[in-house]
mmCIF file of all heavy atoms, coordinates in Angstrom:
data_MODEL
# 
_entry.id   MODEL 
# 
loop_
_atom_site.group_PDB 
_atom_site.id 
_atom_site.type_symbol 
_atom_site.label_atom_id 
_atom_site.label_alt_id 
_atom_site.label_comp_id 
_atom_site.label_asym_id 
_atom_site.label_entity_id 
_atom_site.label_seq_id 
_atom_site.pdbx_PDB_ins_code 
_atom_site.Cartn_x 
_atom_site.Cartn_y 
_atom_site.Cartn_z 
_atom_site.occupancy 
_atom_site.B_iso_or_equiv 
_atom_site.pdbx_formal_charge 
_atom_site.auth_seq_id 
_atom_site.auth_comp_id 
_atom_site.auth_asym_id 
_atom_site.auth_atom_id 
_atom_site.pdbx_PDB_model_num 
ATOM 1   N N   . ALA A 1 1  ? 6.586  4.611  16.157 1.00 0.00 ? 1  ALA A N   1 
ATOM 2   C CA  . ALA A 1 1  ? 5.437  4.186  15.352 1.00 0.00 ? 1  ALA A CA  1 
ATOM 3   C C   . ALA A 1 1  ? 4.878  2.846  15.814 1.00 0.00 ? 1  ALA A C   1 
ATOM 4   O O   . ALA A 1 1  ? 3.679  2.596  15.703 1.00 0.00 ? 1  ALA A O   1 
ATOM 5   C CB  . ALA A 1 1  ? 5.839  4.112  13.883 1.00 0.00 ? 1  ALA A CB  1 
ATOM 6   N N   . ARG A 1 2  ? 5.748  1.980  16.336 1.00 0.00 ? 2  ARG A N   1 
ATOM 7   C CA  . ARG A 1 2  ? 5.297  0.661  16.795 1.00 0.00 ? 2  ARG A CA  1 
ATOM 8   C C   . ARG A 1 2  ? 4.718  0.693  18.200 1.00 0.00 ? 2  ARG A C   1 
ATOM 9   O O   . ARG A 1 2  ? 4.074  -0.269 18.634 1.00 0.00 ? 2  ARG A O   1 
ATOM 10  C CB  . ARG A 1 2  ? 6.467  -0.332 16.747 1.00 0.00 ? 2  ARG A CB  1 
ATOM 11  C CG  . ARG A 1 2  ? 6.868  -0.759 15.342 1.00 0.00 ? 2  ARG A CG  1 
ATOM 12  C CD  . ARG A 1 2  ? 7.768  -1.981 15.400 1.00 0.00 ? 2  ARG A CD  1 
ATOM 13  N NE  . ARG A 1 2  ? 9.016  -1.692 16.097 1.00 0.00 ? 2  ARG A NE  1 
ATOM 14  C CZ  . ARG A 1 2  ? 10.149 -1.341 15.481 1.00 0.00 ? 2  ARG A CZ  1 
ATOM 15  N NH1 . ARG A 1 2  ? 10.173 -1.234 14.162 1.00 0.00 ? 2  ARG A NH1 1 
ATOM 16  N NH2 . ARG A 1 2  ? 11.245 -1.108 16.173 1.00 0.00 ? 2  ARG A NH2 1 
ATOM 17  N N   . ALA A 1 3  ? 4.962  1.751  18.934 1.00 0.00 ? 3  ALA A N   1 
ATOM 18  C CA  . ALA A 1 3  ? 4.528  1.825  20.337 1.00 0.00 ? 3  ALA A CA  1 
ATOM 19  C C   . ALA A 1 3  ? 3.006  1.953  20.440 1.00 0.00 ? 3  ALA A C   1 
ATOM 20  O O   . ALA A 1 3  ? 2.334  2.447  19.537 1.00 0.00 ? 3  ALA A O   1 
ATOM 21  C CB  . ALA A 1 3  ? 5.189  3.014  21.028 1.00 0.00 ? 3  ALA A CB  1 
ATOM 22  N N   . THR A 1 4  ? 2.480  1.500  21.563 1.00 0.00 ? 4  THR A N   1 
ATOM 23  C CA  . THR A 1 4  ? 1.045  1.637  21.832 1.00 0.00 ? 4  THR A CA  1 
ATOM 24  C C   . THR A 1 4  ? 0.785  3.046  22.328 1.00 0.00 ? 4  THR A C   1 
ATOM 25  O O   . THR A 1 4  ? 1.404  3.496  23.296 1.00 0.00 ? 4  THR A O   1 
ATOM 26  C CB  . THR A 1 4  ? 0.594  0.625  22.899 1.00 0.00 ? 4  THR A CB  1 
ATOM 27  O OG1 . THR A 1 4  ? 0.889  -0.692 22.427 1.00 0.00 ? 4  THR A OG1 1 
ATOM 28  C CG2 . THR A 1 4  ? -0.901 0.752  23.158 1.00 0.00 ? 4  THR A CG2 1 
ATOM 29  N N   . MET A 1 5  ? -0.131 3.742  21.651 1.00 0.00 ? 5  MET A N   1 
ATOM 30  C CA  . MET A 1 5  ? -0.413 5.131  22.017 1.00 0.00 ? 5  MET A CA  1 
ATOM 31  C C   . MET A 1 5  ? -1.863 5.297  22.427 1.00 0.00 ? 5  MET A C   1 
ATOM 32  O O   . MET A 1 5  ? -2.736 4.521  22.025 1.00 0.00 ? 5  MET A O   1 
ATOM 33  C CB  . MET A 1 5  ? -0.108 6.073  20.841 1.00 0.00 ? 5  MET A CB  1 
ATOM 34  C CG  . MET A 1 5  ? 1.358  6.153  20.477 1.00 0.00 ? 5  MET A CG  1 
ATOM 35  S SD  . MET A 1 5  ? 1.693  7.558  19.384 1.00 0.00 ? 5  MET A SD  1 
ATOM 36  C CE  . MET A 1 5  ? 3.403  7.258  18.969 1.00 0.00 ? 5  MET A CE  1 
ATOM 37  N N   . GLN A 1 6  ? -2.106 6.340  23.208 1.00 0.00 ? 6  GLN A N   1 
ATOM 38  C CA  . GLN A 1 6  ? -3.455 6.689  23.615 1.00 0.00 ? 6  GLN A CA  1 
ATOM 39  C C   . GLN A 1 6  ? -4.138 7.496  22.515 1.00 0.00 ? 6  GLN A C   1 
ATOM 40  O O   . GLN A 1 6  ? -3.466 8.110  21.674 1.00 0.00 ? 6  GLN A O   1 
ATOM 41  C CB  . GLN A 1 6  ? -3.412 7.511  24.911 1.00 0.00 ? 6  GLN A CB  1 
ATOM 42  C CG  . GLN A 1 6  ? -2.767 6.794  26.076 1.00 0.00 ? 6  GLN A CG  1 
ATOM 43  C CD  . GLN A 1 6  ? -3.476 5.499  26.433 1.00 0.00 ? 6  GLN A CD  1 
ATOM 44  O OE1 . GLN A 1 6  ? -4.708 5.444  26.482 1.00 0.00 ? 6  GLN A OE1 1 
ATOM 45  N NE2 . GLN A 1 6  ? -2.705 4.436  26.653 1.00 0.00 ? 6  GLN A NE2 1 
ATOM 46  N N   . PRO A 1 7  ? -5.485 7.510  22.482 1.00 0.00 ? 7  PRO A N   1 
ATOM 47  C CA  . PRO A 1 7  ? -6.199 8.278  21.435 1.00 0.00 ? 7  PRO A CA  1 
ATOM 48  C C   . PRO A 1 7  ? -5.777 9.738  21.373 1.00 0.00 ? 7  PRO A C   1 
ATOM 49  O O   . PRO A 1 7  ? -5.720 10.314 20.292 1.00 0.00 ? 7  PRO A O   1 
ATOM 50  C CB  . PRO A 1 7  ? -7.671 8.136  21.862 1.00 0.00 ? 7  PRO A CB  1 
ATOM 51  C CG  . PRO A 1 7  ? -7.723 6.855  22.632 1.00 0.00 ? 7  PRO A CG  1 
ATOM 52  C CD  . PRO A 1 7  ? -6.418 6.758  23.343 1.00 0.00 ? 7  PRO A CD  1 
ATOM 53  N N   . GLN A 1 8  ? -5.462 10.331 22.537 1.00 0.00 ? 8  GLN A N   1 
ATOM 54  C CA  . GLN A 1 8  ? -5.073 11.745 22.547 1.00 0.00 ? 8  GLN A CA  1 
ATOM 55  C C   . GLN A 1 8  ? -3.683 11.980 21.950 1.00 0.00 ? 8  GLN A C   1 
ATOM 56  O O   . GLN A 1 8  ? -3.273 13.119 21.754 1.00 0.00 ? 8  GLN A O   1 
ATOM 57  C CB  . GLN A 1 8  ? -5.131 12.317 23.975 1.00 0.00 ? 8  GLN A CB  1 
ATOM 58  C CG  . GLN A 1 8  ? -4.192 11.673 24.967 1.00 0.00 ? 8  GLN A CG  1 
ATOM 59  C CD  . GLN A 1 8  ? -4.829 10.507 25.703 1.00 0.00 ? 8  GLN A CD  1 
ATOM 60  O OE1 . GLN A 1 8  ? -5.767 9.889  25.209 1.00 0.00 ? 8  GLN A OE1 1 
ATOM 61  N NE2 . GLN A 1 8  ? -4.357 10.234 26.901 1.00 0.00 ? 8  GLN A NE2 1 
ATOM 62  N N   . GLU A 1 9  ? -2.957 10.888 21.664 1.00 0.00 ? 9  GLU A N   1 
ATOM 63  C CA  . GLU A 1 9  ? -1.629 11.016 21.071 1.00 0.00 ? 9  GLU A CA  1 
ATOM 64  C C   . GLU A 1 9  ? -1.654 10.830 19.550 1.00 0.00 ? 9  GLU A C   1 
ATOM 65  O O   . GLU A 1 9  ? -0.624 10.625 18.930 1.00 0.00 ? 9  GLU A O   1 
ATOM 66  C CB  . GLU A 1 9  ? -0.683 9.990  21.699 1.00 0.00 ? 9  GLU A CB  1 
ATOM 67  C CG  . GLU A 1 9  ? -0.413 10.237 23.179 1.00 0.00 ? 9  GLU A CG  1 
ATOM 68  C CD  . GLU A 1 9  ? 0.492  9.175  23.785 1.00 0.00 ? 9  GLU A CD  1 
ATOM 69  O OE1 . GLU A 1 9  ? 0.118  7.989  23.746 1.00 0.00 ? 9  GLU A OE1 1 
ATOM 70  O OE2 . GLU A 1 9  ? 1.575  9.546  24.288 1.00 0.00 ? 9  GLU A OE2 1 
ATOM 71  N N   . GLU A 1 10 ? -2.832 10.943 18.954 1.00 0.00 ? 10 GLU A N   1 
ATOM 72  C CA  . GLU A 1 10 ? -2.970 10.742 17.506 1.00 0.00 ? 10 GLU A CA  1 
ATOM 73  C C   . GLU A 1 10 ? -2.124 11.733 16.712 1.00 0.00 ? 10 GLU A C   1 
ATOM 74  O O   . GLU A 1 10 ? -1.507 11.380 15.702 1.00 0.00 ? 10 GLU A O   1 
ATOM 75  C CB  . GLU A 1 10 ? -4.438 10.864 17.098 1.00 0.00 ? 10 GLU A CB  1 
ATOM 76  C CG  . GLU A 1 10 ? -4.708 10.517 15.655 1.00 0.00 ? 10 GLU A CG  1 
ATOM 77  C CD  . GLU A 1 10 ? -6.180 10.539 15.327 1.00 0.00 ? 10 GLU A CD  1 
ATOM 78  O OE1 . GLU A 1 10 ? -6.880 9.540  15.608 1.00 0.00 ? 10 GLU A OE1 1 
ATOM 79  O OE2 . GLU A 1 10 ? -6.641 11.570 14.797 1.00 0.00 ? 10 GLU A OE2 1 
ATOM 80  N N   . ALA A 1 11 ? -2.084 12.996 17.173 1.00 0.00 ? 11 ALA A N   1 
ATOM 81  C CA  . ALA A 1 11 ? -1.299 14.020 16.466 1.00 0.00 ? 11 ALA A CA  1 
ATOM 82  C C   . ALA A 1 11 ? 0.180  13.629 16.432 1.00 0.00 ? 11 ALA A C   1 
ATOM 83  O O   . ALA A 1 11 ? 0.869  13.846 15.421 1.00 0.00 ? 11 ALA A O   1 
ATOM 84  C CB  . ALA A 1 11 ? -1.479 15.377 17.142 1.00 0.00 ? 11 ALA A CB  1 
ATOM 85  N N   . LEU A 1 12 ? 0.666  13.056 17.528 1.00 0.00 ? 12 LEU A N   1 
ATOM 86  C CA  . LEU A 1 12 ? 2.065  12.612 17.577 1.00 0.00 ? 12 LEU A CA  1 
ATOM 87  C C   . LEU A 1 12 ? 2.299  11.492 16.573 1.00 0.00 ? 12 LEU A C   1 
ATOM 88  O O   . LEU A 1 12 ? 3.316  11.484 15.858 1.00 0.00 ? 12 LEU A O   1 
ATOM 89  C CB  . LEU A 1 12 ? 2.407  12.139 18.994 1.00 0.00 ? 12 LEU A CB  1 
ATOM 90  C CG  . LEU A 1 12 ? 3.827  11.591 19.197 1.00 0.00 ? 12 LEU A CG  1 
ATOM 91  C CD1 . LEU A 1 12 ? 4.853  12.671 18.941 1.00 0.00 ? 12 LEU A CD1 1 
ATOM 92  C CD2 . LEU A 1 12 ? 3.976  11.013 20.613 1.00 0.00 ? 12 LEU A CD2 1 
ATOM 93  N N   . LEU A 1 13 ? 1.356  10.565 16.481 1.00 0.00 ? 13 LEU A N   1 
ATOM 94  C CA  . LEU A 1 13 ? 1.478  9.447  15.550 1.00 0.00 ? 13 LEU A CA  1 
ATOM 95  C C   . LEU A 1 13 ? 1.484  9.947  14.098 1.00 0.00 ? 13 LEU A C   1 
ATOM 96  O O   . LEU A 1 13 ? 2.227  9.424  13.261 1.00 0.00 ? 13 LEU A O   1 
ATOM 97  C CB  . LEU A 1 13 ? 0.331  8.459  15.771 1.00 0.00 ? 13 LEU A CB  1 
ATOM 98  C CG  . LEU A 1 13 ? 0.446  7.098  15.088 1.00 0.00 ? 13 LEU A CG  1 
ATOM 99  C CD1 . LEU A 1 13 ? 1.721  6.382  15.502 1.00 0.00 ? 13 LEU A CD1 1 
ATOM 100 C CD2 . LEU A 1 13 ? -0.779 6.239  15.419 1.00 0.00 ? 13 LEU A CD2 1 
ATOM 101 N N   . ILE A 1 14 ? 0.681  10.948 13.810 1.00 0.00 ? 14 ILE A N   1 
ATOM 102 C CA  . ILE A 1 14 ? 0.652  11.539 12.466 1.00 0.00 ? 14 ILE A CA  1 
ATOM 103 C C   . ILE A 1 14 ? 2.008  12.155 12.134 1.00 0.00 ? 14 ILE A C   1 
ATOM 104 O O   . ILE A 1 14 ? 2.566  11.940 11.062 1.00 0.00 ? 14 ILE A O   1 
ATOM 105 C CB  . ILE A 1 14 ? -0.462 12.595 12.370 1.00 0.00 ? 14 ILE A CB  1 
ATOM 106 C CG1 . ILE A 1 14 ? -1.837 11.919 12.408 1.00 0.00 ? 14 ILE A CG1 1 
ATOM 107 C CG2 . ILE A 1 14 ? -0.319 13.444 11.115 1.00 0.00 ? 14 ILE A CG2 1 
ATOM 108 C CD1 . ILE A 1 14 ? -2.991 12.879 12.584 1.00 0.00 ? 14 ILE A CD1 1 
ATOM 109 N N   . GLN A 1 15 ? 2.543  12.909 13.089 1.00 0.00 ? 15 GLN A N   1 
ATOM 110 C CA  . GLN A 1 15 ? 3.848  13.565 12.895 1.00 0.00 ? 15 GLN A CA  1 
ATOM 111 C C   . GLN A 1 15 ? 4.948  12.526 12.675 1.00 0.00 ? 15 GLN A C   1 
ATOM 112 O O   . GLN A 1 15 ? 5.786  12.670 11.766 1.00 0.00 ? 15 GLN A O   1 
ATOM 113 C CB  . GLN A 1 15 ? 4.171  14.414 14.118 1.00 0.00 ? 15 GLN A CB  1 
ATOM 114 C CG  . GLN A 1 15 ? 5.566  15.021 14.126 1.00 0.00 ? 15 GLN A CG  1 
ATOM 115 C CD  . GLN A 1 15 ? 5.950  15.545 15.506 1.00 0.00 ? 15 GLN A CD  1 
ATOM 116 O OE1 . GLN A 1 15 ? 5.095  15.876 16.322 1.00 0.00 ? 15 GLN A OE1 1 
ATOM 117 N NE2 . GLN A 1 15 ? 7.244  15.589 15.774 1.00 0.00 ? 15 GLN A NE2 1 
ATOM 118 N N   . VAL A 1 16 ? 4.939  11.475 13.473 1.00 0.00 ? 16 VAL A N   1 
ATOM 119 C CA  . VAL A 1 16 ? 5.975  10.438 13.386 1.00 0.00 ? 16 VAL A CA  1 
ATOM 120 C C   . VAL A 1 16 ? 5.922  9.731  12.038 1.00 0.00 ? 16 VAL A C   1 
ATOM 121 O O   . VAL A 1 16 ? 6.950  9.539  11.375 1.00 0.00 ? 16 VAL A O   1 
ATOM 122 C CB  . VAL A 1 16 ? 5.808  9.422  14.541 1.00 0.00 ? 16 VAL A CB  1 
ATOM 123 C CG1 . VAL A 1 16 ? 6.631  8.163  14.280 1.00 0.00 ? 16 VAL A CG1 1 
ATOM 124 C CG2 . VAL A 1 16 ? 6.222  10.056 15.864 1.00 0.00 ? 16 VAL A CG2 1 
ATOM 125 N N   . ASN A 1 17 ? 4.718  9.362  11.594 1.00 0.00 ? 17 ASN A N   1 
ATOM 126 C CA  . ASN A 1 17 ? 4.608  8.647  10.328 1.00 0.00 ? 17 ASN A CA  1 
ATOM 127 C C   . ASN A 1 17 ? 4.949  9.542  9.135  1.00 0.00 ? 17 ASN A C   1 
ATOM 128 O O   . ASN A 1 17 ? 5.479  9.066  8.130  1.00 0.00 ? 17 ASN A O   1 
ATOM 129 C CB  . ASN A 1 17 ? 3.204  8.069  10.173 1.00 0.00 ? 17 ASN A CB  1 
ATOM 130 C CG  . ASN A 1 17 ? 3.052  6.732  10.880 1.00 0.00 ? 17 ASN A CG  1 
ATOM 131 O OD1 . ASN A 1 17 ? 3.615  5.729  10.458 1.00 0.00 ? 17 ASN A OD1 1 
ATOM 132 N ND2 . ASN A 1 17 ? 2.307  6.724  11.975 1.00 0.00 ? 17 ASN A ND2 1 
ATOM 133 N N   . THR A 1 18 ? 4.652  10.829 9.244  1.00 0.00 ? 18 THR A N   1 
ATOM 134 C CA  . THR A 1 18 ? 5.030  11.761 8.172  1.00 0.00 ? 18 THR A CA  1 
ATOM 135 C C   . THR A 1 18 ? 6.548  11.820 8.035  1.00 0.00 ? 18 THR A C   1 
ATOM 136 O O   . THR A 1 18 ? 7.099  11.709 6.927  1.00 0.00 ? 18 THR A O   1 
ATOM 137 C CB  . THR A 1 18 ? 4.475  13.163 8.459  1.00 0.00 ? 18 THR A CB  1 
ATOM 138 O OG1 . THR A 1 18 ? 3.042  13.105 8.561  1.00 0.00 ? 18 THR A OG1 1 
ATOM 139 C CG2 . THR A 1 18 ? 4.843  14.131 7.349  1.00 0.00 ? 18 THR A CG2 1 
ATOM 140 N N   . ASN A 1 19 ? 7.230  12.005 9.158  1.00 0.00 ? 19 ASN A N   1 
ATOM 141 C CA  . ASN A 1 19 ? 8.694  12.061 9.115  1.00 0.00 ? 19 ASN A CA  1 
ATOM 142 C C   . ASN A 1 19 ? 9.301  10.720 8.706  1.00 0.00 ? 19 ASN A C   1 
ATOM 143 O O   . ASN A 1 19 ? 10.323 10.672 8.004  1.00 0.00 ? 19 ASN A O   1 
ATOM 144 C CB  . ASN A 1 19 ? 9.239  12.507 10.472 1.00 0.00 ? 19 ASN A CB  1 
ATOM 145 C CG  . ASN A 1 19 ? 8.954  13.966 10.764 1.00 0.00 ? 19 ASN A CG  1 
ATOM 146 O OD1 . ASN A 1 19 ? 8.813  14.772 9.849  1.00 0.00 ? 19 ASN A OD1 1 
ATOM 147 N ND2 . ASN A 1 19 ? 8.848  14.319 12.025 1.00 0.00 ? 19 ASN A ND2 1 
ATOM 148 N N   . LEU A 1 20 ? 8.654  9.640  9.137  1.00 0.00 ? 20 LEU A N   1 
ATOM 149 C CA  . LEU A 1 20 ? 9.143  8.309  8.774  1.00 0.00 ? 20 LEU A CA  1 
ATOM 150 C C   . LEU A 1 20 ? 9.022  8.092  7.261  1.00 0.00 ? 20 LEU A C   1 
ATOM 151 O O   . LEU A 1 20 ? 9.926  7.531  6.628  1.00 0.00 ? 20 LEU A O   1 
ATOM 152 C CB  . LEU A 1 20 ? 8.341  7.248  9.532  1.00 0.00 ? 20 LEU A CB  1 
ATOM 153 C CG  . LEU A 1 20 ? 8.834  5.801  9.479  1.00 0.00 ? 20 LEU A CG  1 
ATOM 154 C CD1 . LEU A 1 20 ? 10.280 5.704  9.926  1.00 0.00 ? 20 LEU A CD1 1 
ATOM 155 C CD2 . LEU A 1 20 ? 7.938  4.912  10.337 1.00 0.00 ? 20 LEU A CD2 1 
ATOM 156 N N   . ALA A 1 21 ? 7.915  8.553  6.689  1.00 0.00 ? 21 ALA A N   1 
ATOM 157 C CA  . ALA A 1 21 ? 7.728  8.436  5.238  1.00 0.00 ? 21 ALA A CA  1 
ATOM 158 C C   . ALA A 1 21 ? 8.815  9.199  4.487  1.00 0.00 ? 21 ALA A C   1 
ATOM 159 O O   . ALA A 1 21 ? 9.356  8.717  3.474  1.00 0.00 ? 21 ALA A O   1 
ATOM 160 C CB  . ALA A 1 21 ? 6.344  8.968  4.843  1.00 0.00 ? 21 ALA A CB  1 
ATOM 161 N N   . MET A 1 22 ? 9.166  10.385 4.988  1.00 0.00 ? 22 MET A N   1 
ATOM 162 C CA  . MET A 1 22 ? 10.226 11.176 4.347  1.00 0.00 ? 22 MET A CA  1 
ATOM 163 C C   . MET A 1 22 ? 11.573 10.469 4.470  1.00 0.00 ? 22 MET A C   1 
ATOM 164 O O   . MET A 1 22 ? 12.360 10.448 3.515  1.00 0.00 ? 22 MET A O   1 
ATOM 165 C CB  . MET A 1 22 ? 10.307 12.556 5.003  1.00 0.00 ? 22 MET A CB  1 
ATOM 166 C CG  . MET A 1 22 ? 9.110  13.451 4.761  1.00 0.00 ? 22 MET A CG  1 
ATOM 167 S SD  . MET A 1 22 ? 9.337  15.053 5.591  1.00 0.00 ? 22 MET A SD  1 
ATOM 168 C CE  . MET A 1 22 ? 7.720  15.789 5.347  1.00 0.00 ? 22 MET A CE  1 
ATOM 169 N N   . ALA A 1 23 ? 11.832 9.886  5.626  1.00 0.00 ? 23 ALA A N   1 
ATOM 170 C CA  . ALA A 1 23 ? 13.105 9.181  5.829  1.00 0.00 ? 23 ALA A CA  1 
ATOM 171 C C   . ALA A 1 23 ? 13.207 7.986  4.882  1.00 0.00 ? 23 ALA A C   1 
ATOM 172 O O   . ALA A 1 23 ? 14.246 7.768  4.237  1.00 0.00 ? 23 ALA A O   1 
ATOM 173 C CB  . ALA A 1 23 ? 13.218 8.730  7.287  1.00 0.00 ? 23 ALA A CB  1 
ATOM 174 N N   . TYR A 1 24 ? 12.133 7.212  4.781  1.00 0.00 ? 24 TYR A N   1 
ATOM 175 C CA  . TYR A 1 24 ? 12.129 6.063  3.869  1.00 0.00 ? 24 TYR A CA  1 
ATOM 176 C C   . TYR A 1 24 ? 12.353 6.508  2.425  1.00 0.00 ? 24 TYR A C   1 
ATOM 177 O O   . TYR A 1 24 ? 13.057 5.856  1.662  1.00 0.00 ? 24 TYR A O   1 
ATOM 178 C CB  . TYR A 1 24 ? 10.796 5.322  3.966  1.00 0.00 ? 24 TYR A CB  1 
ATOM 179 C CG  . TYR A 1 24 ? 10.621 4.478  5.214  1.00 0.00 ? 24 TYR A CG  1 
ATOM 180 C CD1 . TYR A 1 24 ? 9.363  4.361  5.817  1.00 0.00 ? 24 TYR A CD1 1 
ATOM 181 C CD2 . TYR A 1 24 ? 11.681 3.774  5.772  1.00 0.00 ? 24 TYR A CD2 1 
ATOM 182 C CE1 . TYR A 1 24 ? 9.178  3.570  6.941  1.00 0.00 ? 24 TYR A CE1 1 
ATOM 183 C CE2 . TYR A 1 24 ? 11.511 2.991  6.904  1.00 0.00 ? 24 TYR A CE2 1 
ATOM 184 C CZ  . TYR A 1 24 ? 10.255 2.894  7.483  1.00 0.00 ? 24 TYR A CZ  1 
ATOM 185 O OH  . TYR A 1 24 ? 10.077 2.121  8.601  1.00 0.00 ? 24 TYR A OH  1 
ATOM 186 N N   . ASP A 1 25 ? 11.735 7.611  2.051  1.00 0.00 ? 25 ASP A N   1 
ATOM 187 C CA  . ASP A 1 25 ? 11.885 8.124  0.685  1.00 0.00 ? 25 ASP A CA  1 
ATOM 188 C C   . ASP A 1 25 ? 13.347 8.458  0.399  1.00 0.00 ? 25 ASP A C   1 
ATOM 189 O O   . ASP A 1 25 ? 13.890 8.098  -0.656 1.00 0.00 ? 25 ASP A O   1 
ATOM 190 C CB  . ASP A 1 25 ? 10.998 9.360  0.510  1.00 0.00 ? 25 ASP A CB  1 
ATOM 191 C CG  . ASP A 1 25 ? 10.913 9.822  -0.938 1.00 0.00 ? 25 ASP A CG  1 
ATOM 192 O OD1 . ASP A 1 25 ? 11.332 9.066  -1.836 1.00 0.00 ? 25 ASP A OD1 1 
ATOM 193 O OD2 . ASP A 1 25 ? 10.416 10.940 -1.173 1.00 0.00 ? 25 ASP A OD2 1 
# 
């Protein structure tokens, strides 16, 4: 989530933050 990503990697960032939210919960 902290890494610098390219615009085409937006789907990956969405997936990572979704799973991260579940882990935090």
